[in-house]
Amino acid sequence: MKRNPPRYVKATVVDHVIPHRGDPILFWDKRNWQPLCKTCHDKKTWNEDANPEYRF
């Protein structure tokens, strides 16, 4: 008997693995894309916006 089987949700959003923050090269780089459901995308984006990681 399986407990808590995985729940699959259809991906409806294209997410950027590395936030593009306005960089058009990173925005259009298909290697930086991943499919996510809207709920997961919103959680990930909210977390990234609340905890930005800046590189100089």
Protein backbone atom coordinates (compact mmCIF):
# COMPACT_ATOMS: atom_id res chain seq x y z
CA MET A 1 0.00 0.00 0.00
CA LYS A 2 1.39 3.37 -1.05
CA ARG A 3 1.08 6.33 1.24
CA ASN A 4 0.93 9.82 -0.13
CA PRO A 5 1.51 8.99 -3.80
CA PRO A 6 3.11 11.78 -5.82
CA ARG A 7 0.69 14.39 -7.08
CA TYR A 8 1.32 15.46 -10.63
CA VAL A 9 0.15 18.87 -11.76
CA LYS A 10 0.30 20.11 -15.33
CA ALA A 11 2.98 22.71 -15.97
CA THR A 12 1.41 25.96 -17.13
CA VAL A 13 4.26 28.45 -16.71
CA VAL A 14 7.77 28.74 -18.13
CA ASP A 15 10.08 29.64 -15.25
CA HIS A 16 13.62 31.01 -15.39
CA VAL A 17 15.97 28.78 -13.40
CA ILE A 18 18.25 31.78 -12.85
CA PRO A 19 16.18 34.97 -12.46
CA HIS A 20 16.80 37.18 -15.49
CA ARG A 21 16.21 40.49 -13.65
CA GLY A 22 15.71 42.26 -16.98
CA ASP A 23 18.68 40.69 -18.81
CA PRO A 24 17.33 39.90 -22.31
CA ILE A 25 20.08 37.32 -22.99
CA LEU A 26 19.20 35.35 -19.86
CA PHE A 27 15.47 35.87 -20.48
CA TRP A 28 15.54 34.22 -23.92
CA ASP A 29 18.11 31.51 -23.11
CA LYS A 30 16.11 28.25 -23.44
CA ARG A 31 18.66 26.44 -21.25
CA ASN A 32 17.45 28.73 -18.43
CA TRP A 33 13.80 27.67 -18.81
CA GLN A 34 11.89 25.06 -16.82
CA PRO A 35 8.22 24.14 -16.78
CA LEU A 36 6.35 24.69 -13.51
CA CYS A 37 2.76 24.81 -12.37
CA LYS A 38 1.52 28.31 -11.48
CA THR A 39 1.51 27.59 -7.73
CA CYS A 40 5.12 26.37 -7.69
CA HIS A 41 6.24 29.23 -9.94
CA ASP A 42 4.63 31.82 -7.67
CA LYS A 43 6.24 30.31 -4.54
CA LYS A 44 9.67 30.17 -6.20
CA THR A 45 9.41 33.72 -7.56
CA TRP A 46 8.16 35.10 -4.23
CA ASN A 47 11.09 33.48 -2.43
CA GLU A 48 13.62 34.81 -4.96
CA ASP A 49 12.14 38.31 -4.79
CA ALA A 50 12.13 38.26 -0.98
CA ASN A 51 15.72 36.98 -0.85
CA PRO A 52 17.53 38.40 -3.87
CA GLU A 53 21.00 37.13 -4.64
CA TYR A 54 23.13 39.74 -6.32
CA ARG A 55 26.39 38.97 -8.07
CA PHE A 56 28.94 41.60 -9.00
